[in-house]
Protein backbone atom coordinates (compact mmCIF):
# COMPACT_ATOMS: atom_id res chain seq x y z
CA MET A 1 28.93 -70.63 34.42
CA GLY A 2 32.32 -71.40 32.90
CA ALA A 3 33.07 -68.02 31.58
CA ARG A 4 35.28 -65.16 30.78
CA SER A 5 34.46 -61.89 32.43
CA THR A 6 31.71 -60.14 30.47
CA THR A 7 31.68 -56.95 32.52
CA PRO A 8 32.42 -53.82 30.45
CA GLU A 9 35.11 -52.26 32.65
CA PRO A 10 34.72 -48.52 33.24
CA GLU A 11 37.50 -46.23 32.15
CA ALA A 12 38.69 -43.11 33.93
CA GLU A 13 38.95 -41.33 30.61
CA ARG A 14 35.83 -40.57 28.62
CA PRO A 15 35.67 -42.17 25.18
CA ASP A 16 35.67 -40.02 22.06
CA LEU A 17 31.99 -40.57 21.24
CA ARG A 18 30.73 -40.11 17.69
CA SER A 19 27.76 -37.80 17.18
CA ALA A 20 25.36 -40.59 16.23
CA HIS A 21 24.15 -43.07 18.83
CA VAL A 22 24.13 -46.43 17.06
CA ILE A 23 21.33 -48.87 17.87
CA VAL A 24 21.88 -52.36 16.49
CA VAL A 25 18.91 -54.74 16.56
CA ALA A 26 20.29 -58.25 16.38
CA ASN A 27 20.03 -61.88 17.37
CA GLU A 28 21.56 -64.83 15.56
CA LYS A 29 18.29 -66.70 16.12
CA GLY A 30 15.69 -66.02 13.42
CA GLY A 31 12.01 -65.24 13.90
CA THR A 32 12.38 -63.10 17.01
CA GLY A 33 10.96 -59.87 15.56
CA LYS A 34 14.14 -57.90 14.86
CA SER A 35 12.69 -55.93 11.96
CA THR A 36 9.49 -55.13 13.87
CA LEU A 37 11.57 -53.66 16.68
CA SER A 38 13.84 -51.79 14.24
CA ILE A 39 10.80 -50.26 12.54
CA HIS A 40 9.15 -49.08 15.74
CA ILE A 41 12.33 -47.80 17.37
CA ALA A 42 13.23 -45.77 14.27
CA ILE A 43 9.75 -44.31 13.78
CA ALA A 44 9.40 -43.51 17.49
CA LEU A 45 12.68 -41.57 17.43
CA VAL A 46 11.76 -39.69 14.25
CA LYS A 47 8.41 -38.74 15.76
CA ALA A 48 10.23 -37.52 18.88
CA GLY A 49 12.02 -35.00 16.68
CA PHE A 50 15.43 -36.66 16.40
CA ARG A 51 17.47 -36.86 13.21
CA VAL A 52 17.38 -40.59 12.46
CA ALA A 53 19.07 -42.77 9.86
CA THR A 54 18.39 -46.46 9.27
CA ILE A 55 20.61 -49.10 7.68
CA ASP A 56 19.30 -52.47 6.50
CA LEU A 57 21.97 -55.17 6.63
CA ASP A 58 19.52 -57.97 5.84
CA THR A 59 20.45 -58.05 2.16
CA ARG A 60 18.13 -60.97 1.45
CA GLN A 61 14.81 -60.21 3.15
CA LYS A 62 15.09 -56.39 3.42
CA THR A 63 12.02 -56.15 5.67
CA LEU A 64 12.97 -52.73 7.04
CA THR A 65 13.59 -51.47 3.51
CA ARG A 66 10.24 -52.79 2.26
CA PHE A 67 8.46 -51.15 5.16
CA LEU A 68 10.04 -47.76 4.46
CA GLU A 69 9.22 -48.11 0.74
CA ASN A 70 5.59 -48.70 1.72
CA ARG A 71 5.71 -45.73 4.09
CA LEU A 72 7.13 -43.45 1.41
CA SER A 73 4.37 -44.55 -0.97
CA TRP A 74 1.67 -43.89 1.65
CA ALA A 75 3.21 -40.50 2.43
CA ALA A 76 2.58 -39.29 -1.13
CA ASN A 77 -1.17 -38.99 -0.46
CA ALA A 78 -1.41 -39.14 3.33
CA PRO A 79 -3.71 -36.71 5.19
CA TRP A 80 -0.82 -35.77 7.51
CA ASP A 81 2.94 -35.26 7.26
CA VAL A 82 4.47 -38.72 7.46
CA GLU A 83 7.87 -38.80 9.17
CA LEU A 84 10.64 -40.73 7.43
CA PRO A 85 14.23 -41.51 8.45
CA PHE A 86 17.14 -41.32 6.04
CA HIS A 87 17.61 -44.88 4.80
CA ARG A 88 20.39 -46.96 3.30
CA ALA A 89 19.95 -50.59 2.21
CA LEU A 90 22.95 -52.74 1.46
CA GLU A 91 22.99 -55.00 -1.58
CA ARG A 92 24.31 -58.54 -1.58
CA GLY A 93 27.63 -59.21 -3.24
CA THR A 94 27.09 -60.92 -6.60
CA SER A 95 30.55 -62.34 -7.17
CA HIS A 96 31.22 -66.08 -7.05
CA ASN A 97 34.19 -65.25 -4.83
CA LEU A 98 33.28 -65.01 -1.13
CA HIS A 99 36.20 -62.71 -0.32
CA ASP A 100 35.19 -60.30 -3.10
CA ASN A 101 31.61 -60.25 -1.80
CA GLU A 102 32.74 -59.52 1.74
CA THR A 103 35.03 -56.75 0.50
CA ALA A 104 32.22 -55.14 -1.51
CA GLU A 105 29.72 -55.41 1.35
CA PHE A 106 32.22 -54.01 3.84
CA GLY A 107 32.87 -51.04 1.54
CA ALA A 108 29.13 -50.37 1.19
CA PHE A 109 28.62 -50.57 4.95
CA ALA A 110 31.58 -48.30 5.68
CA SER A 111 30.19 -45.79 3.18
CA ALA A 112 26.73 -45.94 4.76
CA ILE A 113 28.16 -45.32 8.25
CA ALA A 114 30.34 -42.46 6.99
CA ASP A 115 27.26 -40.83 5.44
CA VAL A 116 25.32 -40.72 8.70
CA GLU A 117 27.58 -40.86 11.75
CA HIS A 118 28.12 -37.09 11.96
CA SER A 119 24.82 -35.84 10.50
CA TYR A 120 22.28 -37.84 12.49
CA GLU A 121 21.58 -38.28 16.19
CA PHE A 122 20.54 -41.93 15.97
CA VAL A 123 21.37 -44.71 13.55
CA VAL A 124 19.18 -47.84 13.70
CA ILE A 125 20.72 -50.93 12.08
CA ASP A 126 18.60 -53.99 11.30
CA THR A 127 20.58 -57.21 10.92
CA PRO A 128 20.00 -60.67 9.44
CA ALA A 129 19.73 -63.83 11.53
CA SER A 130 23.15 -65.12 10.56
CA ASP A 131 26.73 -64.88 11.68
CA SER A 132 28.89 -63.00 9.20
CA TYR A 133 31.79 -60.59 9.12
CA LEU A 134 29.40 -57.71 8.43
CA MET A 135 27.10 -58.65 11.32
CA ARG A 136 30.05 -58.81 13.71
CA LEU A 137 31.25 -55.43 12.50
CA ALA A 138 27.80 -53.93 13.16
CA HIS A 139 27.88 -55.32 16.72
CA SER A 140 31.26 -53.72 17.39
CA LEU A 141 29.82 -50.32 16.37
CA ALA A 142 26.77 -50.58 18.63
CA ASP A 143 26.17 -48.21 21.51
CA THR A 144 22.86 -49.89 22.31
CA LEU A 145 22.43 -53.52 21.25
CA VAL A 146 18.80 -54.65 21.24
CA SER A 147 18.34 -58.43 21.10
CA PRO A 148 14.76 -59.66 20.89
CA VAL A 149 14.02 -63.09 22.30
CA ASN A 150 10.77 -65.05 22.21
CA ASP A 151 9.39 -66.83 25.27
CA SER A 152 11.05 -70.10 24.34
CA PHE A 153 14.04 -71.99 25.71
CA ILE A 154 15.03 -72.52 22.07
CA ASP A 155 15.67 -68.78 21.93
CA VAL A 156 17.43 -68.71 25.31
CA ASP A 157 19.80 -71.43 24.07
CA VAL A 158 21.67 -68.98 21.79
CA PHE A 159 22.67 -67.02 24.90
CA SER A 160 23.26 -69.73 27.49
CA ARG A 161 23.29 -73.48 26.96
CA VAL A 162 19.95 -75.07 27.86
CA HIS A 163 20.35 -78.71 28.88
CA HIS A 164 18.67 -81.27 31.16
CA ASP A 165 22.10 -82.14 32.59
CA LYS A 166 23.04 -79.44 35.10
CA SER A 167 26.76 -80.04 34.48
CA GLN A 168 26.31 -78.89 30.88
CA ARG A 169 23.77 -76.17 31.56
CA GLY A 170 24.72 -72.49 31.63
CA GLN A 171 27.71 -72.47 29.29
CA VAL A 172 28.10 -69.29 27.25
CA ALA A 173 26.39 -70.01 23.93
CA HIS A 174 27.39 -68.88 20.45
CA TYR A 175 25.50 -65.58 20.17
CA ALA A 176 26.46 -64.41 23.66
CA ASP A 177 30.05 -65.24 22.75
CA LEU A 178 29.72 -63.00 19.69
CA VAL A 179 28.52 -60.11 21.87
CA ILE A 180 31.32 -60.62 24.39
CA GLU A 181 33.87 -60.40 21.58
CA ALA A 182 32.18 -57.27 20.17
CA ARG A 183 32.38 -55.62 23.59
CA ARG A 184 36.06 -56.49 23.86
CA ARG A 185 36.80 -55.01 20.44
CA ARG A 186 34.76 -51.90 21.12
CA LYS A 187 36.73 -51.20 24.28
CA LEU A 188 40.03 -51.63 22.42
CA VAL A 189 39.01 -49.34 19.55
CA ASP A 190 37.57 -46.31 21.35
CA GLN A 191 37.04 -47.19 25.03
CA GLY A 192 33.32 -47.34 24.29
CA ILE A 193 30.64 -49.46 25.94
CA ILE A 194 27.85 -51.57 24.47
CA ASP A 195 24.60 -51.44 26.42
CA TRP A 196 23.04 -54.85 25.73
CA VAL A 197 19.26 -54.89 26.15
CA LEU A 198 17.52 -58.26 25.91
CA VAL A 199 13.90 -57.71 24.91
CA ARG A 200 11.25 -60.36 25.51
CA ASN A 201 9.32 -60.05 22.28
CA ARG A 202 6.15 -61.47 20.73
CA MET A 203 4.91 -62.34 24.17
CA SER A 204 1.54 -63.97 24.65
CA THR A 205 -1.10 -61.86 26.38
CA ILE A 206 -1.76 -64.87 28.65
CA GLN A 207 1.03 -65.45 31.17
CA SER A 208 1.96 -69.16 31.05
CA ASN A 209 4.18 -71.19 33.33
CA ASN A 210 6.71 -71.37 30.47
CA ALA A 211 6.78 -67.57 30.24
CA LYS A 212 7.43 -67.35 33.98
CA GLN A 213 10.29 -69.84 33.65
CA ILE A 214 11.79 -67.81 30.79
CA GLY A 215 11.51 -64.63 32.85
CA MET A 216 13.35 -66.20 35.78
CA SER A 217 16.07 -67.60 33.51
CA LEU A 218 16.71 -64.22 31.88
CA THR A 219 16.82 -62.46 35.24
CA LYS A 220 19.52 -64.89 36.39
CA LEU A 221 21.46 -64.60 33.11
CA ALA A 222 21.37 -60.79 33.19
CA ALA A 223 24.07 -60.52 35.84
CA GLU A 224 26.17 -63.34 34.39
CA LEU A 225 26.16 -62.12 30.78
CA GLN A 226 25.81 -58.42 31.63
CA PHE A 227 22.64 -57.36 29.84
CA ARG A 228 19.49 -55.48 30.78
CA PRO A 229 16.32 -57.60 30.43
CA THR A 230 13.07 -55.87 29.55
CA GLU A 231 9.66 -56.60 28.06
CA GLY A 232 8.99 -55.74 24.44
CA LEU A 233 5.95 -56.16 22.24
CA HIS A 234 3.13 -58.64 22.58
CA ASP A 235 2.12 -60.75 19.61
CA ARG A 236 -0.49 -58.38 18.16
CA VAL A 237 -2.05 -58.42 14.70
CA ILE A 238 -1.64 -54.65 14.44
CA PHE A 239 2.15 -54.97 14.18
CA ARG A 240 1.67 -57.01 11.00
CA GLU A 241 -1.44 -55.57 9.41
CA LEU A 242 -0.02 -52.03 9.10
CA PHE A 243 3.08 -53.19 7.21
CA PRO A 244 1.56 -52.92 3.67
CA ILE A 245 0.93 -49.18 4.13
CA GLY A 246 4.09 -48.48 6.06
CA LEU A 247 2.43 -47.32 9.27
CA THR A 248 2.97 -48.18 12.92
CA ALA A 249 0.90 -48.08 16.07
CA LEU A 250 2.49 -44.68 16.76
CA ASP A 251 0.96 -43.13 13.65
CA PRO A 252 -2.51 -41.52 13.72
CA ILE A 253 -4.08 -44.69 12.35
CA GLU A 254 -7.49 -43.60 13.58
CA GLU A 255 -7.31 -41.01 10.80
CA ALA A 256 -6.03 -43.53 8.25
CA THR A 257 -8.93 -45.90 8.99
CA ARG A 258 -11.37 -42.97 9.44
CA SER A 259 -12.64 -44.61 12.60
CA GLY A 260 -11.92 -41.61 14.79
CA THR A 261 -10.87 -43.79 17.71
CA LEU A 262 -8.30 -46.42 18.54
CA SER A 263 -9.29 -49.94 19.53
CA ALA A 264 -8.14 -51.29 22.88
CA SER A 265 -5.49 -53.40 21.12
CA GLN A 266 -4.23 -50.42 19.12
CA SER A 267 -3.96 -48.28 22.25
CA ALA A 268 -2.12 -51.08 24.06
CA ALA A 269 0.27 -51.49 21.12
CA ARG A 270 1.09 -47.78 21.14
CA ARG A 271 1.68 -47.90 24.89
CA GLU A 272 4.01 -50.90 24.54
CA VAL A 273 6.18 -49.10 22.00
CA ASP A 274 6.38 -46.02 24.24
CA GLU A 275 7.34 -48.17 27.23
CA LEU A 276 9.99 -50.01 25.18
CA LEU A 277 11.63 -46.72 24.16
CA ALA A 278 11.64 -45.60 27.78
CA THR A 279 13.36 -48.80 28.96
CA LEU A 280 16.08 -48.47 26.30
CA GLN A 281 17.25 -45.36 28.21
CA LEU A 282 18.66 -43.71 25.11
CA PRO A 283 20.43 -40.33 25.34
CA GLU A 284 17.88 -37.54 25.03
CA ARG A 285 18.79 -33.99 24.25
CA SER A 286 16.62 -31.38 25.88
CA HIS A 287 16.51 -27.64 26.40
CA GLY A 288 20.01 -26.63 27.39
CA LEU A 289 21.43 -30.13 26.83
CA ALA A 290 22.97 -30.83 23.43
CA HIS A 291 22.85 -34.31 21.93
CA LEU A 292 26.57 -35.00 22.33
CA GLN A 293 26.43 -33.92 25.96
CA ALA A 294 23.44 -36.24 26.44
CA ARG A 295 25.53 -39.00 24.87
CA HIS A 296 28.27 -38.50 27.46
CA GLU A 297 25.75 -38.50 30.30
CA TRP A 298 24.31 -41.71 28.86
CA TYR A 299 27.81 -43.23 28.84
CA GLU A 300 28.39 -42.36 32.50
CA ARG A 301 24.99 -43.70 33.55
CA ILE A 302 25.33 -47.01 31.64
CA THR A 303 28.90 -47.51 32.84
CA ARG A 304 27.75 -47.18 36.45
CA TYR A 305 24.92 -49.65 35.82
CA TYR A 306 27.25 -52.38 34.53
CA ARG A 307 29.84 -51.69 37.20
CA ASP A 308 27.16 -52.22 39.87
CA LEU A 309 25.78 -55.25 38.04
CA GLY A 310 29.23 -56.81 37.92
CA ALA A 311 29.71 -56.18 41.62
CA SER A 312 26.48 -58.05 42.39
CA ILE A 313 27.74 -61.36 41.01
């Protein structure tokens, strides 16, 4: 691969970590399930007892915002206490001048970050499928970057060039280049590190030859582009059918449907979300371990991982 070094170099001096651990869910390719992951990550963390804030940067679709509006409406008459994160949704600039719009959107984003970075333990940011100044800024703030990818070489092509000609195959593609630049900027600003987790999302329950090929390609790319590959959510109806009432597979939906039990698919969906959160390896405070201390331990652990991954190339 013709490439610059993508390894986040460890520093002897610890970075000055902010209180909030920022999780950015992003991929320049559309239709990969970014909002679905943002929703489930945020709700899982709230249910785990963390102070969570969410920011919706998708000023056009606002899927995360619509979900939380539905959840708030359901909560008004729900038979249980429905957990909600603190939420901020950015509005699109309405000026005919692009520079004025970018200035206004940057100001709104900076205000949203300032409101939550010291008061919450996690901030989950959902992003649009487009390259913009605001999207790049969000990437540079990420501690954990979650990029969903479908089992398709069309999706892989935004990370590494897919081509029948081996001489052209494997070049760093446009979205991976964006992440590399965000990592460089992050290191310059505060010596921080971005843990990039590539999540195979919307997987079919039937393992195909194509899925196996995708899995092998991502495993090879992991060392070259310096990310952690993992499995995400299967393509289940439950992830879509609960949207109108603002619930997730983690909620007591057996009470909402008055069925008293979960179906096999519902149980599997809940298990997938739990497994996804575990593989993200987020900092977890516990008895005797404050959140900021857990953040520093997370930094040391992730730094070692990428150092070892870089050494394996």
